[in-house]
């Protein structure tokens, strides 16, 4: 039996998603990914956008067929009156153990989930 059922695609649990003013460059966003020993994936996008204090909505899926984790996020309800480079931090859980390419809003990295 395949992990994640017949499709081989698991929907990931978004543990947290946030954005704050940071030092990234929105013209050249960068991705940093860490995986904890319990399999929790923390993805940080430095220079994700510009804004001030938006809410963040995120989702993710892991495909055991293609060894790929896809994560997307959007910002909304940014009502504060300021502009700064935004860094986004996402925590996700639920990917089966393995080696993956992770793609977060078009940026990619290699990760191993224990």
N, C-alpha and C. Protein backbone atom coordinates (compact mmCIF):
# COMPACT_ATOMS: atom_id res chain seq x y z
N UNK A 1 0.84 -1.19 0.00
CA UNK A 1 0.00 0.00 0.00
C UNK A 1 0.88 1.25 0.00
N UNK A 2 0.55 2.18 -0.88
CA UNK A 2 1.31 3.43 -0.98
C UNK A 2 1.05 4.33 0.23
N UNK A 3 2.11 5.04 0.68
CA UNK A 3 1.81 6.11 1.65
C UNK A 3 0.89 7.12 0.96
N UNK A 4 0.00 7.70 1.66
CA UNK A 4 -0.90 8.74 1.14
C UNK A 4 -2.01 8.16 0.27
N UNK A 5 -2.29 6.86 0.36
CA UNK A 5 -3.41 6.29 -0.38
C UNK A 5 -3.10 6.02 -1.84
N UNK A 6 -4.14 5.76 -2.61
CA UNK A 6 -3.99 5.36 -4.01
C UNK A 6 -3.32 6.42 -4.86
N UNK A 7 -3.56 7.70 -4.57
CA UNK A 7 -3.00 8.77 -5.41
C UNK A 7 -1.52 8.99 -5.13
N UNK A 8 -1.05 8.61 -3.94
CA UNK A 8 0.33 8.89 -3.56
C UNK A 8 0.57 10.34 -3.22
N UNK A 9 -0.52 11.11 -3.03
CA UNK A 9 -0.38 12.53 -2.70
C UNK A 9 -0.99 12.78 -1.32
N UNK A 10 -0.18 13.30 -0.40
CA UNK A 10 -0.63 13.63 0.95
C UNK A 10 -0.87 15.13 1.06
N UNK A 11 -1.98 15.52 1.63
CA UNK A 11 -2.17 16.93 1.98
C UNK A 11 -1.42 17.17 3.28
N UNK A 12 -0.62 18.21 3.31
CA UNK A 12 0.17 18.50 4.50
C UNK A 12 -0.62 19.37 5.46
N UNK A 13 -0.35 19.18 6.75
CA UNK A 13 -0.95 20.02 7.78
C UNK A 13 -0.10 21.28 7.91
N UNK A 14 -0.74 22.44 7.78
CA UNK A 14 -0.04 23.70 8.00
C UNK A 14 -0.10 23.99 9.49
N UNK A 15 1.05 23.86 10.16
CA UNK A 15 1.13 24.09 11.60
C UNK A 15 1.06 25.58 11.90
N UNK A 16 1.78 26.37 11.10
CA UNK A 16 1.75 27.82 11.26
C UNK A 16 2.19 28.49 9.97
N UNK A 17 1.74 29.71 9.78
CA UNK A 17 2.13 30.51 8.62
C UNK A 17 2.12 31.97 9.06
N UNK A 18 3.24 32.66 8.87
CA UNK A 18 3.33 34.04 9.32
C UNK A 18 4.24 34.84 8.39
N UNK A 19 4.12 36.15 8.50
CA UNK A 19 5.00 37.05 7.75
C UNK A 19 5.35 38.22 8.64
N UNK A 20 6.56 38.71 8.46
CA UNK A 20 6.98 39.87 9.23
C UNK A 20 7.99 40.66 8.41
N UNK A 21 8.17 41.92 8.78
CA UNK A 21 9.17 42.74 8.12
C UNK A 21 10.53 42.11 8.35
N UNK A 22 11.30 42.00 7.28
CA UNK A 22 12.60 41.35 7.39
C UNK A 22 13.61 41.99 6.47
N UNK A 23 14.69 41.28 6.24
CA UNK A 23 15.78 41.84 5.47
C UNK A 23 15.89 41.31 4.05
N UNK A 24 14.92 40.50 3.62
CA UNK A 24 15.00 39.93 2.28
C UNK A 24 14.73 40.96 1.20
N UNK A 25 15.12 40.62 -0.03
CA UNK A 25 14.92 41.49 -1.18
C UNK A 25 13.79 40.92 -2.03
N UNK A 26 12.64 41.61 -2.11
CA UNK A 26 11.52 41.09 -2.90
C UNK A 26 11.86 40.89 -4.38
N UNK A 27 12.88 41.56 -4.89
CA UNK A 27 13.29 41.35 -6.28
C UNK A 27 14.10 40.07 -6.45
N UNK A 28 14.64 39.54 -5.35
CA UNK A 28 15.42 38.30 -5.37
C UNK A 28 15.10 37.46 -4.14
N UNK A 29 13.90 36.89 -4.07
CA UNK A 29 13.54 36.09 -2.89
C UNK A 29 14.42 34.85 -2.76
N UNK A 30 14.64 34.44 -1.51
CA UNK A 30 15.46 33.26 -1.22
C UNK A 30 14.69 32.32 -0.31
N UNK A 31 14.92 31.01 -0.50
CA UNK A 31 14.26 29.98 0.28
C UNK A 31 15.27 29.29 1.18
N UNK A 32 14.90 29.12 2.46
CA UNK A 32 15.70 28.35 3.41
C UNK A 32 14.76 27.32 4.04
N UNK A 33 15.17 26.05 4.05
CA UNK A 33 14.30 24.98 4.57
C UNK A 33 15.05 24.18 5.62
N UNK A 34 14.38 23.93 6.74
CA UNK A 34 14.90 23.04 7.79
C UNK A 34 13.86 21.96 8.03
N UNK A 35 14.34 20.75 8.36
CA UNK A 35 13.44 19.66 8.71
C UNK A 35 13.83 19.15 10.09
N UNK A 36 12.88 19.17 11.01
CA UNK A 36 13.13 18.70 12.38
C UNK A 36 13.11 17.17 12.42
N UNK A 37 13.62 16.62 13.51
CA UNK A 37 13.68 15.16 13.65
C UNK A 37 12.30 14.52 13.65
N UNK A 38 11.24 15.30 13.99
CA UNK A 38 9.88 14.75 13.96
C UNK A 38 9.23 14.90 12.58
N UNK A 39 10.00 15.41 11.58
CA UNK A 39 9.48 15.54 10.23
C UNK A 39 8.81 16.87 9.94
N UNK A 40 8.74 17.77 10.93
CA UNK A 40 8.16 19.09 10.68
C UNK A 40 9.09 19.89 9.77
N UNK A 41 8.53 20.41 8.69
CA UNK A 41 9.28 21.19 7.71
C UNK A 41 9.05 22.67 8.00
N UNK A 42 10.14 23.43 8.16
CA UNK A 42 10.05 24.87 8.31
C UNK A 42 10.66 25.50 7.06
N UNK A 43 9.83 26.21 6.31
CA UNK A 43 10.28 26.88 5.09
C UNK A 43 10.21 28.38 5.33
N UNK A 44 11.33 29.07 5.07
CA UNK A 44 11.38 30.52 5.20
C UNK A 44 11.67 31.12 3.84
N UNK A 45 10.85 32.09 3.43
CA UNK A 45 11.09 32.80 2.20
C UNK A 45 11.46 34.23 2.57
N UNK A 46 12.72 34.56 2.33
CA UNK A 46 13.22 35.90 2.62
C UNK A 46 12.94 36.76 1.38
N UNK A 47 12.29 37.92 1.60
CA UNK A 47 11.92 38.77 0.48
C UNK A 47 10.72 38.23 -0.28
N UNK A 48 9.74 37.66 0.44
CA UNK A 48 8.58 37.05 -0.19
C UNK A 48 7.71 38.07 -0.93
N UNK A 49 7.66 39.29 -0.42
CA UNK A 49 6.83 40.33 -1.00
C UNK A 49 7.13 41.64 -0.27
N UNK A 50 6.29 42.64 -0.50
CA UNK A 50 6.36 43.87 0.27
C UNK A 50 5.00 44.08 0.92
N UNK A 51 5.00 44.71 2.07
CA UNK A 51 3.75 44.96 2.79
C UNK A 51 4.09 45.44 4.18
N UNK A 52 3.27 45.06 5.14
CA UNK A 52 3.53 45.50 6.51
C UNK A 52 3.23 44.40 7.51
N UNK A 53 1.97 44.01 7.63
CA UNK A 53 1.64 42.97 8.61
C UNK A 53 0.45 42.15 8.11
N UNK A 54 0.62 41.45 7.00
CA UNK A 54 -0.52 40.69 6.46
C UNK A 54 -0.77 39.40 7.20
N UNK A 55 -1.96 38.87 6.98
CA UNK A 55 -2.26 37.50 7.35
C UNK A 55 -1.70 36.61 6.24
N UNK A 56 -1.43 35.35 6.56
CA UNK A 56 -0.86 34.43 5.57
C UNK A 56 -1.72 33.18 5.51
N UNK A 57 -2.08 32.79 4.29
CA UNK A 57 -2.78 31.53 4.07
C UNK A 57 -1.84 30.61 3.30
N UNK A 58 -1.69 29.37 3.78
CA UNK A 58 -0.75 28.44 3.15
C UNK A 58 -1.39 27.07 2.98
N UNK A 59 -0.87 26.33 2.01
CA UNK A 59 -1.29 24.95 1.82
C UNK A 59 -0.11 24.18 1.24
N UNK A 60 -0.15 22.86 1.38
CA UNK A 60 0.94 22.07 0.85
C UNK A 60 0.53 20.63 0.61
N UNK A 61 1.25 19.99 -0.31
CA UNK A 61 1.03 18.58 -0.57
C UNK A 61 2.37 17.92 -0.87
N UNK A 62 2.43 16.63 -0.59
CA UNK A 62 3.63 15.84 -0.87
C UNK A 62 3.24 14.71 -1.80
N UNK A 63 3.99 14.55 -2.89
CA UNK A 63 3.74 13.45 -3.82
C UNK A 63 4.86 12.43 -3.70
N UNK A 64 4.51 11.23 -3.25
CA UNK A 64 5.52 10.17 -3.14
C UNK A 64 5.85 9.61 -4.52
N UNK A 65 5.00 9.87 -5.52
CA UNK A 65 5.25 9.40 -6.88
C UNK A 65 6.35 10.20 -7.57
N UNK A 66 6.36 11.52 -7.33
CA UNK A 66 7.33 12.40 -8.00
C UNK A 66 8.40 12.92 -7.05
N UNK A 67 8.36 12.50 -5.77
CA UNK A 67 9.31 12.97 -4.76
C UNK A 67 9.35 14.50 -4.71
N UNK A 68 8.16 15.09 -4.68
CA UNK A 68 8.07 16.54 -4.69
C UNK A 68 7.07 17.01 -3.65
N UNK A 69 7.43 18.08 -2.95
CA UNK A 69 6.53 18.75 -2.00
C UNK A 69 6.24 20.12 -2.58
N UNK A 70 4.96 20.42 -2.77
CA UNK A 70 4.54 21.72 -3.29
C UNK A 70 3.88 22.50 -2.16
N UNK A 71 4.35 23.73 -1.95
CA UNK A 71 3.80 24.60 -0.91
C UNK A 71 3.49 25.95 -1.56
N UNK A 72 2.32 26.45 -1.28
CA UNK A 72 1.94 27.77 -1.77
C UNK A 72 1.44 28.62 -0.63
N UNK A 73 1.62 29.92 -0.77
CA UNK A 73 1.07 30.82 0.24
C UNK A 73 0.68 32.14 -0.41
N UNK A 74 -0.29 32.80 0.22
CA UNK A 74 -0.73 34.12 -0.22
C UNK A 74 -0.87 35.01 1.00
N UNK A 75 -0.75 36.30 0.76
CA UNK A 75 -0.94 37.30 1.81
C UNK A 75 -2.31 37.94 1.62
N UNK A 76 -2.95 38.31 2.73
CA UNK A 76 -4.23 39.01 2.65
C UNK A 76 -4.42 39.86 3.90
N UNK A 77 -5.39 40.76 3.85
CA UNK A 77 -5.74 41.64 4.98
C UNK A 77 -4.53 42.38 5.54
N UNK A 78 -3.78 43.04 4.66
CA UNK A 78 -2.64 43.85 5.10
C UNK A 78 -3.10 45.30 5.18
N UNK A 79 -3.70 45.65 6.32
CA UNK A 79 -4.33 46.95 6.47
C UNK A 79 -3.40 48.00 7.09
N UNK A 80 -2.25 47.60 7.59
CA UNK A 80 -1.35 48.55 8.24
C UNK A 80 -0.78 49.51 7.20
N UNK A 81 -0.44 50.71 7.63
CA UNK A 81 0.01 51.76 6.73
C UNK A 81 1.53 51.86 6.76
N UNK A 82 2.19 50.87 6.18
CA UNK A 82 3.64 50.90 6.07
C UNK A 82 4.06 49.93 4.97
N UNK A 83 5.28 50.05 4.52
CA UNK A 83 5.81 49.14 3.50
C UNK A 83 7.19 48.68 3.96
N UNK A 84 7.41 47.37 3.93
CA UNK A 84 8.72 46.81 4.23
C UNK A 84 8.86 45.50 3.46
N UNK A 85 10.08 45.00 3.29
CA UNK A 85 10.23 43.68 2.70
C UNK A 85 9.69 42.63 3.68
N UNK A 86 8.89 41.70 3.17
CA UNK A 86 8.30 40.67 4.03
C UNK A 86 9.04 39.36 3.90
N UNK A 87 9.29 38.73 5.05
CA UNK A 87 9.82 37.37 5.10
C UNK A 87 8.68 36.48 5.61
N UNK A 88 8.44 35.38 4.93
CA UNK A 88 7.36 34.45 5.31
C UNK A 88 7.96 33.21 5.94
N UNK A 89 7.33 32.69 6.99
CA UNK A 89 7.74 31.45 7.64
C UNK A 89 6.55 30.50 7.69
N UNK A 90 6.76 29.28 7.19
CA UNK A 90 5.70 28.28 7.14
C UNK A 90 6.18 27.01 7.81
N UNK A 91 5.34 26.41 8.63
CA UNK A 91 5.64 25.11 9.24
C UNK A 91 4.59 24.12 8.77
N UNK A 92 5.07 22.98 8.25
CA UNK A 92 4.18 21.96 7.71
C UNK A 92 4.56 20.59 8.24
N UNK A 93 3.55 19.72 8.32
CA UNK A 93 3.73 18.36 8.81
C UNK A 93 2.96 17.39 7.94
N UNK A 94 3.43 16.16 7.88
CA UNK A 94 2.65 15.11 7.24
C UNK A 94 3.28 14.47 6.02
N UNK A 95 4.48 14.89 5.64
CA UNK A 95 5.14 14.26 4.49
C UNK A 95 5.74 12.93 4.93
N UNK A 96 5.54 11.87 4.15
CA UNK A 96 6.16 10.59 4.48
C UNK A 96 7.68 10.71 4.41
N UNK A 97 8.41 9.86 5.13
CA UNK A 97 9.87 9.91 5.07
C UNK A 97 10.37 9.75 3.64
N UNK A 98 11.44 10.49 3.32
CA UNK A 98 12.03 10.37 1.98
C UNK A 98 12.77 11.62 1.58
N UNK A 99 13.38 11.56 0.40
CA UNK A 99 14.09 12.70 -0.18
C UNK A 99 13.15 13.38 -1.17
N UNK A 100 13.05 14.70 -1.07
CA UNK A 100 12.12 15.46 -1.88
C UNK A 100 12.77 16.72 -2.46
N UNK A 101 12.21 17.16 -3.58
CA UNK A 101 12.39 18.54 -4.01
C UNK A 101 11.21 19.28 -3.41
N UNK A 102 11.48 20.37 -2.68
CA UNK A 102 10.39 21.18 -2.14
C UNK A 102 10.32 22.46 -2.96
N UNK A 103 9.10 22.82 -3.38
CA UNK A 103 8.89 24.03 -4.17
C UNK A 103 7.91 24.91 -3.39
N UNK A 104 8.38 26.12 -3.04
CA UNK A 104 7.58 27.06 -2.27
C UNK A 104 7.41 28.32 -3.11
N UNK A 105 6.20 28.55 -3.60
CA UNK A 105 5.92 29.71 -4.46
C UNK A 105 6.98 29.88 -5.55
N UNK A 106 7.37 28.77 -6.17
CA UNK A 106 8.30 28.83 -7.29
C UNK A 106 9.76 28.70 -6.94
N UNK A 107 10.12 28.78 -5.66
CA UNK A 107 11.51 28.61 -5.23
C UNK A 107 11.70 27.17 -4.79
N UNK A 108 12.86 26.57 -5.10
CA UNK A 108 13.00 25.15 -4.77
C UNK A 108 14.28 24.85 -4.00
N UNK A 109 14.24 23.72 -3.30
CA UNK A 109 15.37 23.23 -2.51
C UNK A 109 15.21 21.71 -2.37
N UNK A 110 16.26 21.05 -1.94
CA UNK A 110 16.23 19.60 -1.68
C UNK A 110 16.10 19.39 -0.17
N UNK A 111 15.24 18.46 0.23
CA UNK A 111 15.07 18.15 1.67
C UNK A 111 14.95 16.66 1.86
N UNK A 112 15.32 16.22 3.06
CA UNK A 112 15.12 14.84 3.48
C UNK A 112 14.23 14.85 4.71
N UNK A 113 13.10 14.13 4.64
CA UNK A 113 12.19 14.02 5.76
C UNK A 113 12.49 12.69 6.44
N UNK A 114 12.85 12.74 7.74
CA UNK A 114 13.21 11.49 8.43
C UNK A 114 12.01 10.61 8.71
